[in-house]
Amino acid sequence: INAEYMGTPSECLFFFAMTYVKYLKGDSPIVLCVPHDGREEPEHIPLRKLGCLIRDTDTLPLSELLYSNLTELCQCRPHIIINYLHRNRLDVNRSIDMACDGNATAEKVWEEYHGYIAMAVKTSKNQFGYCQIFDIHGQSHRSATEIGYCLNNYQLRYIHDPKCFEQCSIKSVLKSIRCPHDDETTLKQILTGNTSLGYFLESKGYSCVPCPSQPHPCISDGFHDCWIEPNGKHIFSIDDEFLPCKYFSGGYTVCIYGRDQVLGDNVSAIQVEIPPEVRQESTMDKYALDLAQAILSYMESNYLRWLDSDFTK
């Protein structure tokens, strides 16, 4: 992150956990999390044996550009939390028992990372009454940005299911929505309608899901396994490499803070899974600017208090 965007020491706070985590305190209700582009592989932290060990390559420089663009566009700073440990040592987007393979040092870094998220959320809620988390990731199975709300393929297909509202990681947005309707209509509107993040990103020429033109990740409107929910338990496609409907609906961070509300209500969280085509040096600058503009349009459209804040004037 360039120093010119950091302000004076009295305006910004930096926190480091054993040099592996950085938290830059912001002055807006937006929190950016960057969990999977760390490159540090210290020998005193052993390799993890389970789970994905691959970096989300170039999501860190893209997130730094996103931070800079958000700062410049609305004259305020988002909070940002960055993990610098390689994913083969620590996965901060998992519960602590799955993230660290029991290594005490890795567990300490995990606790620091999520402690800073909690600090950012509490600061935002104290100042603005709400908080919006964007968890930045990379994926390579789809040439489109996947936007995750902790709703799987089945739930996005059958958005009328009452369980969708309770399990959605942005249900707190509905308390601040500009044009209140019934829960089903409003949820569908902010997931796939013309106030959704997918709508604003698609309007800039990017393929994404969910959005108005692709409200669910399934490649066909015909019935297939992704839509089966036998005995109330959904058959997930997320880990099946052979299903073309593979979709990252949201991991630990967005689900625990946005859906499960461990830090209280008025916290919403969205996972942004960015394809490799826009993480390249030749495309990254434009995408980061367009994503920043889409995020601000989403905030303006859905939060009653957004335009009332001093930093938007």
C-alpha atoms as a PDB file:
ATOM      1  CA  ILE A   1       0.000   0.000   0.000  1.00  0.00           C
ATOM      2  CA  ASN A   2       1.525   3.278  -1.061  1.00  0.00           C
ATOM      3  CA  ALA A   3       2.422   5.708   1.710  1.00  0.00           C
ATOM      4  CA  GLU A   4       0.574   8.557   0.020  1.00  0.00           C
ATOM      5  CA  TYR A   5      -2.720   6.867   0.921  1.00  0.00           C
ATOM      6  CA  MET A   6      -1.857   6.227   4.525  1.00  0.00           C
ATOM      7  CA  GLY A   7      -2.234   9.707   6.010  1.00  0.00           C
ATOM      8  CA  THR A   8      -0.352  10.894   9.056  1.00  0.00           C
ATOM      9  CA  PRO A   9       0.522   8.632  11.989  1.00  0.00           C
ATOM     10  CA  SER A  10      -2.187  10.287  14.076  1.00  0.00           C
ATOM     11  CA  GLU A  11      -4.818   9.420  11.437  1.00  0.00           C
ATOM     12  CA  CYS A  12      -3.923   5.772  10.828  1.00  0.00           C
ATOM     13  CA  LEU A  13      -2.955   2.842  12.983  1.00  0.00           C
ATOM     14  CA  PHE A  14      -0.861  -0.134  11.947  1.00  0.00           C
ATOM     15  CA  PHE A  15      -0.777  -3.424  13.783  1.00  0.00           C
ATOM     16  CA  PHE A  16       1.567  -6.316  13.074  1.00  0.00           C
ATOM     17  CA  ALA A  17       1.442  -9.881  14.391  1.00  0.00           C
ATOM     18  CA  MET A  18       4.968 -11.293  14.303  1.00  0.00           C
ATOM     19  CA  THR A  19       5.314  -9.554  10.893  1.00  0.00           C
ATOM     20  CA  TYR A  20       2.744 -11.958   9.360  1.00  0.00           C
ATOM     21  CA  VAL A  21      -0.430  -9.847   9.698  1.00  0.00           C
ATOM     22  CA  LYS A  22      -1.022  -6.190   8.966  1.00  0.00           C
ATOM     23  CA  TYR A  23      -4.037  -4.132   9.941  1.00  0.00           C
ATOM     24  CA  LEU A  24      -4.471  -0.628   8.612  1.00  0.00           C
ATOM     25  CA  LYS A  25      -7.249   1.140  10.464  1.00  0.00           C
ATOM     26  CA  GLY A  26      -9.766   2.967   8.298  1.00  0.00           C
ATOM     27  CA  ASP A  27     -12.387   5.634   8.738  1.00  0.00           C
ATOM     28  CA  SER A  28     -15.265   4.131   6.768  1.00  0.00           C
ATOM     29  CA  PRO A  29     -17.649   1.180   7.352  1.00  0.00           C
ATOM     30  CA  ILE A  30     -15.883  -0.905   4.667  1.00  0.00           C
ATOM     31  CA  VAL A  31     -13.492  -3.691   5.736  1.00  0.00           C
ATOM     32  CA  LEU A  32     -11.228  -5.453   3.203  1.00  0.00           C
ATOM     33  CA  CYS A  33      -9.749  -8.851   4.091  1.00  0.00           C
ATOM     34  CA  VAL A  34      -6.872 -10.404   2.123  1.00  0.00           C
ATOM     35  CA  PRO A  35      -6.314 -13.951   3.427  1.00  0.00           C
ATOM     36  CA  HIS A  36      -4.651 -16.067   0.733  1.00  0.00           C
ATOM     37  CA  ASP A  37      -1.824 -14.279  -1.099  1.00  0.00           C
ATOM     38  CA  GLY A  38       0.829 -14.540   1.587  1.00  0.00           C
ATOM     39  CA  ARG A  39       4.300 -15.635   0.503  1.00  0.00           C
ATOM     40  CA  GLU A  40       6.079 -16.146   3.828  1.00  0.00           C
ATOM     41  CA  GLU A  41       7.063 -19.787   4.447  1.00  0.00           C
ATOM     42  CA  PRO A  42       8.989 -19.809   7.737  1.00  0.00           C
ATOM     43  CA  GLU A  43      10.658 -23.081   8.641  1.00  0.00           C
ATOM     44  CA  HIS A  44       9.424 -22.938  12.240  1.00  0.00           C
ATOM     45  CA  ILE A  45       5.819 -23.294  11.022  1.00  0.00           C
ATOM     46  CA  PRO A  46       5.361 -26.736   9.410  1.00  0.00           C
ATOM     47  CA  LEU A  47       3.521 -27.414   6.188  1.00  0.00           C
ATOM     48  CA  ARG A  48      -0.183 -28.032   6.569  1.00  0.00           C
ATOM     49  CA  LYS A  49      -1.264 -31.563   5.689  1.00  0.00           C
ATOM     50  CA  LEU A  50      -4.942 -30.983   4.926  1.00  0.00           C
ATOM     51  CA  GLY A  51      -6.959 -28.561   2.839  1.00  0.00           C
ATOM     52  CA  CYS A  52      -6.008 -26.300  -0.044  1.00  0.00           C
ATOM     53  CA  LEU A  53      -2.366 -25.158   0.061  1.00  0.00           C
ATOM     54  CA  ILE A  54      -2.355 -22.915  -3.015  1.00  0.00           C
ATOM     55  CA  ARG A  55      -2.093 -19.107  -2.927  1.00  0.00           C
ATOM     56  CA  ASP A  56      -4.726 -16.877  -4.485  1.00  0.00           C
ATOM     57  CA  THR A  57      -2.032 -15.360  -6.665  1.00  0.00           C
ATOM     58  CA  ASP A  58      -1.961 -11.562  -7.081  1.00  0.00           C
ATOM     59  CA  THR A  59      -5.004 -10.905  -4.904  1.00  0.00           C
ATOM     60  CA  LEU A  60      -2.746  -8.859  -2.604  1.00  0.00           C
ATOM     61  CA  PRO A  61      -1.576  -6.284  -5.188  1.00  0.00           C
ATOM     62  CA  LEU A  62      -5.115  -6.140  -6.559  1.00  0.00           C
ATOM     63  CA  SER A  63      -6.463  -5.518  -3.042  1.00  0.00           C
ATOM     64  CA  GLU A  64      -3.908  -2.761  -2.516  1.00  0.00           C
ATOM     65  CA  LEU A  65      -5.136  -1.090  -5.699  1.00  0.00           C
ATOM     66  CA  LEU A  66      -8.731  -1.556  -4.536  1.00  0.00           C
ATOM     67  CA  TYR A  67      -7.871   0.069  -1.210  1.00  0.00           C
ATOM     68  CA  SER A  68      -6.229   3.017  -2.959  1.00  0.00           C
ATOM     69  CA  ASN A  69      -9.161   3.484  -5.352  1.00  0.00           C
ATOM     70  CA  LEU A  70     -11.759   3.359  -2.587  1.00  0.00           C
ATOM     71  CA  THR A  71      -9.729   5.900  -0.619  1.00  0.00           C
ATOM     72  CA  GLU A  72      -9.481   8.262  -3.551  1.00  0.00           C
ATOM     73  CA  LEU A  73     -13.068   7.908  -4.767  1.00  0.00           C
ATOM     74  CA  CYS A  74     -14.834   8.597  -1.474  1.00  0.00           C
ATOM     75  CA  GLN A  75     -12.093  10.444   0.434  1.00  0.00           C
ATOM     76  CA  CYS A  76     -12.148   7.869   3.198  1.00  0.00           C
ATOM     77  CA  ARG A  77     -10.107   4.800   4.004  1.00  0.00           C
ATOM     78  CA  PRO A  78     -11.476   1.294   4.280  1.00  0.00           C
ATOM     79  CA  HIS A  79     -10.031  -0.908   6.977  1.00  0.00           C
ATOM     80  CA  ILE A  80      -7.742  -3.579   5.539  1.00  0.00           C
ATOM     81  CA  ILE A  81      -6.383  -6.764   7.118  1.00  0.00           C
ATOM     82  CA  ILE A  82      -3.667  -8.694   5.264  1.00  0.00           C
ATOM     83  CA  ASN A  83      -2.230 -12.124   6.010  1.00  0.00           C
ATOM     84  CA  TYR A  84       1.370 -12.593   4.797  1.00  0.00           C
ATOM     85  CA  LEU A  85       1.772 -16.274   5.715  1.00  0.00           C
ATOM     86  CA  HIS A  86       1.613 -18.699   2.797  1.00  0.00           C
ATOM     87  CA  ARG A  87      -1.498 -20.813   2.693  1.00  0.00           C
ATOM     88  CA  ASN A  88       0.635 -23.948   3.020  1.00  0.00           C
ATOM     89  CA  ARG A  89       1.391 -22.762   6.573  1.00  0.00           C
ATOM     90  CA  LEU A  90      -1.935 -21.199   7.569  1.00  0.00           C
ATOM     91  CA  ASP A  91      -5.404 -20.771   6.115  1.00  0.00           C
ATOM     92  CA  VAL A  92      -7.077 -17.902   7.964  1.00  0.00           C
ATOM     93  CA  ASN A  93     -10.326 -18.550   6.077  1.00  0.00           C
ATOM     94  CA  ARG A  94     -10.953 -21.715   8.064  1.00  0.00           C
ATOM     95  CA  SER A  95     -11.871 -22.376  11.666  1.00  0.00           C
ATOM     96  CA  ILE A  96      -8.779 -22.473  13.866  1.00  0.00           C
ATOM     97  CA  ASP A  97      -8.887 -26.260  14.263  1.00  0.00           C
ATOM     98  CA  MET A  98      -8.760 -26.672  10.462  1.00  0.00           C
ATOM     99  CA  ALA A  99      -6.475 -23.719   9.704  1.00  0.00           C
ATOM    100  CA  CYS A 100      -3.269 -24.493  11.571  1.00  0.00           C
ATOM    101  CA  ASP A 101      -2.826 -28.268  11.971  1.00  0.00           C
ATOM    102  CA  GLY A 102      -2.416 -27.609  15.680  1.00  0.00           C
ATOM    103  CA  ASN A 103       0.739 -25.489  15.364  1.00  0.00           C
ATOM    104  CA  ALA A 104       0.844 -22.946  18.203  1.00  0.00           C
ATOM    105  CA  THR A 105       2.596 -20.219  16.194  1.00  0.00           C
ATOM    106  CA  ALA A 106       0.127 -20.512  13.335  1.00  0.00           C
ATOM    107  CA  GLU A 107      -2.725 -20.415  15.821  1.00  0.00           C
ATOM    108  CA  LYS A 108      -1.350 -17.170  17.245  1.00  0.00           C
ATOM    109  CA  VAL A 109      -1.285 -15.601  13.782  1.00  0.00           C
ATOM    110  CA  TRP A 110      -4.837 -16.831  13.140  1.00  0.00           C
ATOM    111  CA  GLU A 111      -5.991 -15.231  16.389  1.00  0.00           C
ATOM    112  CA  GLU A 112      -4.288 -11.953  15.488  1.00  0.00           C
ATOM    113  CA  TYR A 113      -5.832 -11.899  12.002  1.00  0.00           C
ATOM    114  CA  HIS A 114      -9.355 -12.442  13.261  1.00  0.00           C
ATOM    115  CA  GLY A 115      -8.738 -10.173  16.213  1.00  0.00           C
ATOM    116  CA  TYR A 116      -8.026  -7.337  13.793  1.00  0.00           C
ATOM    117  CA  ILE A 117     -11.170  -8.125  11.820  1.00  0.00           C
ATOM    118  CA  ALA A 118     -13.110  -7.885  15.082  1.00  0.00           C
ATOM    119  CA  MET A 119     -11.372  -4.594  15.875  1.00  0.00           C
ATOM    120  CA  ALA A 120     -12.258  -3.173  12.453  1.00  0.00           C
ATOM    121  CA  VAL A 121     -15.870  -4.319  12.725  1.00  0.00           C
ATOM    122  CA  LYS A 122     -16.316  -2.864  16.209  1.00  0.00           C
ATOM    123  CA  THR A 123     -14.720   0.430  15.166  1.00  0.00           C
ATOM    124  CA  SER A 124     -17.037   0.667  12.147  1.00  0.00           C
ATOM    125  CA  LYS A 125     -20.126  -0.170  14.186  1.00  0.00           C
ATOM    126  CA  ASN A 126     -19.224   2.346  16.868  1.00  0.00           C
ATOM    127  CA  GLN A 127     -18.701   5.081  14.283  1.00  0.00           C
ATOM    128  CA  PHE A 128     -21.396   4.290  11.709  1.00  0.00           C
ATOM    129  CA  GLY A 129     -23.716   1.739  13.264  1.00  0.00           C
ATOM    130  CA  TYR A 130     -22.903  -0.968  10.705  1.00  0.00           C
ATOM    131  CA  CYS A 131     -20.048  -2.668   8.856  1.00  0.00           C
ATOM    132  CA  GLN A 132     -19.608  -4.223   5.397  1.00  0.00           C
ATOM    133  CA  ILE A 133     -16.824  -6.802   4.916  1.00  0.00           C
ATOM    134  CA  PHE A 134     -15.400  -7.705   1.492  1.00  0.00           C
ATOM    135  CA  ASP A 135     -13.252 -10.853   1.614  1.00  0.00           C
ATOM    136  CA  ILE A 136     -10.963 -10.877  -1.449  1.00  0.00           C
ATOM    137  CA  HIS A 137     -10.056 -14.209  -3.087  1.00  0.00           C
ATOM    138  CA  GLY A 138      -8.999 -15.711  -6.406  1.00  0.00           C
ATOM    139  CA  GLN A 139     -10.398 -18.696  -8.297  1.00  0.00           C
ATOM    140  CA  SER A 140      -9.535 -20.307 -11.624  1.00  0.00           C
ATOM    141  CA  HIS A 141     -12.468 -22.597 -12.426  1.00  0.00           C
ATOM    142  CA  ARG A 142     -14.712 -19.896 -13.937  1.00  0.00           C
ATOM    143  CA  SER A 143     -13.994 -16.891 -16.199  1.00  0.00           C
ATOM    144  CA  ALA A 144     -16.202 -14.706 -14.058  1.00  0.00           C
ATOM    145  CA  THR A 145     -16.147 -13.036 -10.663  1.00  0.00           C
ATOM    146  CA  GLU A 146     -17.979 -15.176  -8.135  1.00  0.00           C
ATOM    147  CA  ILE A 147     -19.775 -13.213  -5.439  1.00  0.00           C
ATOM    148  CA  GLY A 148     -20.407 -15.291  -2.333  1.00  0.00           C
ATOM    149  CA  TYR A 149     -23.189 -14.698   0.197  1.00  0.00           C
ATOM    150  CA  CYS A 150     -23.010 -18.054   2.039  1.00  0.00           C
ATOM    151  CA  LEU A 151     -25.803 -19.340  -0.200  1.00  0.00           C
ATOM    152  CA  ASN A 152     -25.090 -22.452  -2.251  1.00  0.00           C
ATOM    153  CA  ASN A 153     -26.271 -23.327  -5.757  1.00  0.00           C
ATOM    154  CA  TYR A 154     -29.559 -24.742  -4.538  1.00  0.00           C
ATOM    155  CA  GLN A 155     -30.342 -21.713  -2.400  1.00  0.00           C
ATOM    156  CA  LEU A 156     -29.561 -19.219  -5.154  1.00  0.00           C
ATOM    157  CA  ARG A 157     -31.816 -21.219  -7.486  1.00  0.00           C
ATOM    158  CA  TYR A 158     -34.660 -21.329  -4.948  1.00  0.00           C
ATOM    159  CA  ILE A 159     -34.273 -17.933  -3.327  1.00  0.00           C
ATOM    160  CA  HIS A 160     -37.859 -18.098  -2.049  1.00  0.00           C
ATOM    161  CA  ASP A 161     -36.812 -20.745   0.495  1.00  0.00           C
ATOM    162  CA  PRO A 162     -37.208 -19.081   3.957  1.00  0.00           C
ATOM    163  CA  LYS A 163     -33.882 -20.593   5.061  1.00  0.00           C
ATOM    164  CA  CYS A 164     -32.078 -18.407   2.522  1.00  0.00           C
ATOM    165  CA  PHE A 165     -32.691 -15.257   4.510  1.00  0.00           C
ATOM    166  CA  GLU A 166     -31.292 -16.662   7.757  1.00  0.00           C
ATOM    167  CA  GLN A 167     -28.236 -18.219   6.105  1.00  0.00           C
ATOM    168  CA  CYS A 168     -27.355 -15.253   3.907  1.00  0.00           C
ATOM    169  CA  SER A 169     -24.239 -13.292   4.943  1.00  0.00           C
ATOM    170  CA  ILE A 170     -25.763  -9.916   4.000  1.00  0.00           C
ATOM    171  CA  LYS A 171     -29.055 -10.202   5.841  1.00  0.00           C
ATOM    172  CA  SER A 172     -28.094  -7.174   7.934  1.00  0.00           C
ATOM    173  CA  VAL A 173     -28.282  -5.031   4.781  1.00  0.00           C
ATOM    174  CA  LEU A 174     -32.025  -5.598   4.815  1.00  0.00           C
ATOM    175  CA  LYS A 175     -32.270  -3.563   8.011  1.00  0.00           C
ATOM    176  CA  SER A 176     -30.803  -0.553   6.226  1.00  0.00           C
ATOM    177  CA  ILE A 177     -32.294  -1.073   2.784  1.00  0.00           C
ATOM    178  CA  ARG A 178     -33.428   2.062   0.974  1.00  0.00           C
ATOM    179  CA  CYS A 179     -36.694   0.639  -0.388  1.00  0.00           C
ATOM    180  CA  PRO A 180     -38.004  -1.971   2.063  1.00  0.00           C
ATOM    181  CA  HIS A 181     -40.140  -4.806   0.667  1.00  0.00           C
ATOM    182  CA  ASP A 182     -40.909  -8.276   1.916  1.00  0.00           C
ATOM    183  CA  ASP A 183     -37.871 -10.387   2.797  1.00  0.00           C
ATOM    184  CA  GLU A 184     -38.001 -12.574  -0.325  1.00  0.00           C
ATOM    185  CA  THR A 185     -38.304  -9.683  -2.776  1.00  0.00           C
ATOM    186  CA  THR A 186     -35.641  -7.626  -1.058  1.00  0.00           C
ATOM    187  CA  LEU A 187     -33.198 -10.536  -0.740  1.00  0.00           C
ATOM    188  CA  LYS A 188     -33.592 -11.340  -4.416  1.00  0.00           C
ATOM    189  CA  GLN A 189     -33.111  -7.665  -5.261  1.00  0.00           C
ATOM    190  CA  ILE A 190     -29.815  -7.272  -3.412  1.00  0.00           C
ATOM    191  CA  LEU A 191     -28.479 -10.646  -4.612  1.00  0.00           C
ATOM    192  CA  THR A 192     -29.417 -10.510  -8.297  1.00  0.00           C
ATOM    193  CA  GLY A 193     -31.357  -7.275  -8.889  1.00  0.00           C
ATOM    194  CA  ASN A 194     -30.339  -3.788  -9.928  1.00  0.00           C
ATOM    195  CA  THR A 195     -28.922  -2.890  -6.506  1.00  0.00           C
ATOM    196  CA  SER A 196     -26.716  -5.996  -6.255  1.00  0.00           C
ATOM    197  CA  LEU A 197     -22.929  -5.946  -6.398  1.00  0.00           C
ATOM    198  CA  GLY A 198     -23.201  -8.295  -9.374  1.00  0.00           C
ATOM    199  CA  TYR A 199     -25.369  -5.781 -11.230  1.00  0.00           C
ATOM    200  CA  PHE A 200     -22.868  -2.957 -10.798  1.00  0.00           C
ATOM    201  CA  LEU A 201     -19.919  -5.151 -11.766  1.00  0.00           C
ATOM    202  CA  GLU A 202     -21.756  -6.615 -14.755  1.00  0.00           C
ATOM    203  CA  SER A 203     -22.700  -3.108 -15.925  1.00  0.00           C
ATOM    204  CA  LYS A 204     -18.969  -2.437 -16.296  1.00  0.00           C
ATOM    205  CA  GLY A 205     -18.603  -5.332 -18.697  1.00  0.00           C
ATOM    206  CA  TYR A 206     -17.507  -8.152 -16.386  1.00  0.00           C
ATOM    207  CA  SER A 207     -19.032 -11.600 -16.199  1.00  0.00           C
ATOM    208  CA  CYS A 208     -20.055 -12.457 -12.661  1.00  0.00           C
ATOM    209  CA  VAL A 209     -22.389 -14.650 -10.654  1.00  0.00           C
ATOM    210  CA  PRO A 210     -24.873 -14.064  -9.168  1.00  0.00           C
ATOM    211  CA  CYS A 211     -26.084 -11.073 -11.176  1.00  0.00           C
ATOM    212  CA  PRO A 212     -29.215 -10.173 -13.161  1.00  0.00           C
ATOM    213  CA  SER A 213     -28.170 -12.133 -16.261  1.00  0.00           C
ATOM    214  CA  GLN A 214     -26.857 -15.134 -14.279  1.00  0.00           C
ATOM    215  CA  PRO A 215     -28.754 -15.372 -10.977  1.00  0.00           C
ATOM    216  CA  HIS A 216     -27.239 -18.739 -10.043  1.00  0.00           C
ATOM    217  CA  PRO A 217     -23.973 -20.526 -10.948  1.00  0.00           C
ATOM    218  CA  CYS A 218     -25.569 -23.511 -12.658  1.00  0.00           C
ATOM    219  CA  ILE A 219     -24.881 -23.835 -16.366  1.00  0.00           C
ATOM    220  CA  SER A 220     -28.360 -25.115 -17.155  1.00  0.00           C
ATOM    221  CA  ASP A 221     -31.895 -24.291 -16.109  1.00  0.00           C
ATOM    222  CA  GLY A 222     -32.699 -27.970 -16.409  1.00  0.00           C
ATOM    223  CA  PHE A 223     -32.890 -30.036 -13.229  1.00  0.00           C
ATOM    224  CA  HIS A 224     -29.602 -31.621 -12.140  1.00  0.00           C
ATOM    225  CA  ASP A 225     -27.750 -32.740  -9.017  1.00  0.00           C
ATOM    226  CA  CYS A 226     -26.837 -29.258  -7.784  1.00  0.00           C
ATOM    227  CA  TRP A 227     -30.479 -28.602  -7.008  1.00  0.00           C
ATOM    228  CA  ILE A 228     -31.190 -31.731  -4.998  1.00  0.00           C
ATOM    229  CA  GLU A 229     -31.795 -31.267  -1.286  1.00  0.00           C
ATOM    230  CA  PRO A 230     -32.728 -34.723   0.027  1.00  0.00           C
ATOM    231  CA  ASN A 231     -33.851 -34.950   3.649  1.00  0.00           C
ATOM    232  CA  GLY A 232     -33.064 -31.286   4.131  1.00  0.00           C
ATOM    233  CA  LYS A 233     -29.347 -31.749   3.426  1.00  0.00           C
ATOM    234  CA  HIS A 234     -27.968 -30.171   0.279  1.00  0.00           C
ATOM    235  CA  ILE A 235     -25.553 -32.052  -1.982  1.00  0.00           C
ATOM    236  CA  PHE A 236     -22.814 -29.463  -2.398  1.00  0.00           C
ATOM    237  CA  SER A 237     -20.937 -29.106  -5.668  1.00  0.00           C
ATOM    238  CA  ILE A 238     -18.271 -26.782  -4.269  1.00  0.00           C
ATOM    239  CA  ASP A 239     -15.650 -29.501  -3.747  1.00  0.00           C
ATOM    240  CA  ASP A 240     -16.480 -31.612  -6.795  1.00  0.00           C
ATOM    241  CA  GLU A 241     -13.961 -30.755  -9.496  1.00  0.00           C
ATOM    242  CA  PHE A 242     -16.023 -32.564 -12.121  1.00  0.00           C
ATOM    243  CA  LEU A 243     -19.244 -30.617 -11.762  1.00  0.00           C
ATOM    244  CA  PRO A 244     -19.369 -27.581 -14.091  1.00  0.00           C
ATOM    245  CA  CYS A 245     -21.481 -25.734 -11.532  1.00  0.00           C
ATOM    246  CA  LYS A 246     -18.614 -25.393  -9.081  1.00  0.00           C
ATOM    247  CA  TYR A 247     -19.039 -22.147  -7.152  1.00  0.00           C
ATOM    248  CA  PHE A 248     -17.406 -20.691  -4.030  1.00  0.00           C
ATOM    249  CA  SER A 249     -20.379 -19.523  -2.013  1.00  0.00           C
ATOM    250  CA  GLY A 250     -18.403 -18.123   0.907  1.00  0.00           C
ATOM    251  CA  GLY A 251     -15.931 -19.446   3.435  1.00  0.00           C
ATOM    252  CA  TYR A 252     -15.331 -19.124   7.151  1.00  0.00           C
ATOM    253  CA  THR A 253     -14.837 -15.349   7.310  1.00  0.00           C
ATOM    254  CA  VAL A 254     -17.987 -14.212   5.513  1.00  0.00           C
ATOM    255  CA  CYS A 255     -20.144 -16.890   7.122  1.00  0.00           C
ATOM    256  CA  ILE A 256     -18.991 -16.377  10.700  1.00  0.00           C
ATOM    257  CA  TYR A 257     -19.190 -12.568  10.644  1.00  0.00           C
ATOM    258  CA  GLY A 258     -22.020 -12.006   8.167  1.00  0.00           C
ATOM    259  CA  ARG A 259     -24.309 -14.974   8.700  1.00  0.00           C
ATOM    260  CA  ASP A 260     -23.627 -16.165  12.230  1.00  0.00           C
ATOM    261  CA  GLN A 261     -23.227 -12.601  13.550  1.00  0.00           C
ATOM    262  CA  VAL A 262     -20.583 -13.463  16.164  1.00  0.00           C
ATOM    263  CA  LEU A 263     -19.930  -9.732  16.576  1.00  0.00           C
ATOM    264  CA  GLY A 264     -23.606  -8.819  16.790  1.00  0.00           C
ATOM    265  CA  ASP A 265     -25.971  -7.632  14.116  1.00  0.00           C
ATOM    266  CA  ASN A 266     -25.465  -4.899  11.494  1.00  0.00           C
ATOM    267  CA  VAL A 267     -22.469  -6.753  10.050  1.00  0.00           C
ATOM    268  CA  SER A 268     -22.660  -7.962   6.451  1.00  0.00           C
ATOM    269  CA  ALA A 269     -19.987  -9.867   4.525  1.00  0.00           C
ATOM    270  CA  ILE A 270     -19.391 -10.691   0.858  1.00  0.00           C
ATOM    271  CA  GLN A 271     -16.756 -13.008  -0.618  1.00  0.00           C
ATOM    272  CA  VAL A 272     -15.322 -11.789  -3.935  1.00  0.00           C
ATOM    273  CA  GLU A 273     -13.688 -14.571  -5.970  1.00  0.00           C
ATOM    274  CA  ILE A 274     -11.696 -12.983  -8.790  1.00  0.00           C
ATOM    275  CA  PRO A 275     -10.763 -14.917 -11.972  1.00  0.00           C
ATOM    276  CA  PRO A 276      -7.158 -14.990 -13.257  1.00  0.00           C
ATOM    277  CA  GLU A 277      -7.948 -12.924 -16.372  1.00  0.00           C
ATOM    278  CA  VAL A 278      -8.262  -9.730 -14.309  1.00  0.00           C
ATOM    279  CA  ARG A 279      -5.454 -10.515 -11.866  1.00  0.00           C
ATOM    280  CA  GLN A 280      -2.835 -10.031 -14.563  1.00  0.00           C
ATOM    281  CA  GLU A 281      -0.594  -6.993 -14.715  1.00  0.00           C
ATOM    282  CA  SER A 282      -2.249  -5.787 -17.929  1.00  0.00           C
ATOM    283  CA  THR A 283      -5.807  -5.935 -16.555  1.00  0.00           C
ATOM    284  CA  MET A 284      -5.464  -5.463 -12.803  1.00  0.00           C
ATOM    285  CA  ASP A 285      -5.506  -1.647 -12.688  1.00  0.00           C
ATOM    286  CA  LYS A 286      -8.773  -1.303 -14.589  1.00  0.00           C
ATOM    287  CA  TYR A 287     -10.506  -4.118 -12.732  1.00  0.00           C
ATOM    288  CA  ALA A 288      -9.508  -2.749  -9.313  1.00  0.00           C
ATOM    289  CA  LEU A 289     -10.922   0.665 -10.238  1.00  0.00           C
ATOM    290  CA  ASP A 290     -14.123  -0.820 -11.640  1.00  0.00           C
ATOM    291  CA  LEU A 291     -14.566  -3.048  -8.589  1.00  0.00           C
ATOM    292  CA  ALA A 292     -14.096  -0.036  -6.297  1.00  0.00           C
ATOM    293  CA  GLN A 293     -16.751   1.895  -8.212  1.00  0.00           C
ATOM    294  CA  ALA A 294     -19.087  -1.104  -8.099  1.00  0.00           C
ATOM    295  CA  ILE A 295     -18.612  -1.435  -4.325  1.00  0.00           C
ATOM    296  CA  LEU A 296     -19.397   2.234  -3.757  1.00  0.00           C
ATOM    297  CA  SER A 297     -22.492   2.020  -5.984  1.00  0.00           C
ATOM    298  CA  TYR A 298     -23.608  -1.007  -3.973  1.00  0.00           C
ATOM    299  CA  MET A 299     -23.108   0.827  -0.686  1.00  0.00           C
ATOM    300  CA  GLU A 300     -24.933   3.920  -1.925  1.00  0.00           C
ATOM    301  CA  SER A 301     -27.861   1.875  -3.239  1.00  0.00           C
ATOM    302  CA  ASN A 302     -28.417  -0.325  -0.212  1.00  0.00           C
ATOM    303  CA  TYR A 303     -27.453   1.520   2.937  1.00  0.00           C
ATOM    304  CA  LEU A 304     -29.759   4.246   4.173  1.00  0.00           C
ATOM    305  CA  ARG A 305     -26.987   5.853   6.178  1.00  0.00           C
ATOM    306  CA  TRP A 306     -24.261   5.750   3.527  1.00  0.00           C
ATOM    307  CA  LEU A 307     -25.004   9.093   1.874  1.00  0.00           C
ATOM    308  CA  ASP A 308     -25.609  10.708   5.243  1.00  0.00           C
ATOM    309  CA  SER A 309     -22.003  10.115   6.255  1.00  0.00           C
ATOM    310  CA  ASP A 310     -19.593  13.019   6.179  1.00  0.00           C
ATOM    311  CA  PHE A 311     -17.090  11.259   3.921  1.00  0.00           C
ATOM    312  CA  THR A 312     -19.602  10.963   1.040  1.00  0.00           C
ATOM    313  CA  LYS A 313     -20.266  14.668   0.750  1.00  0.00           C
END
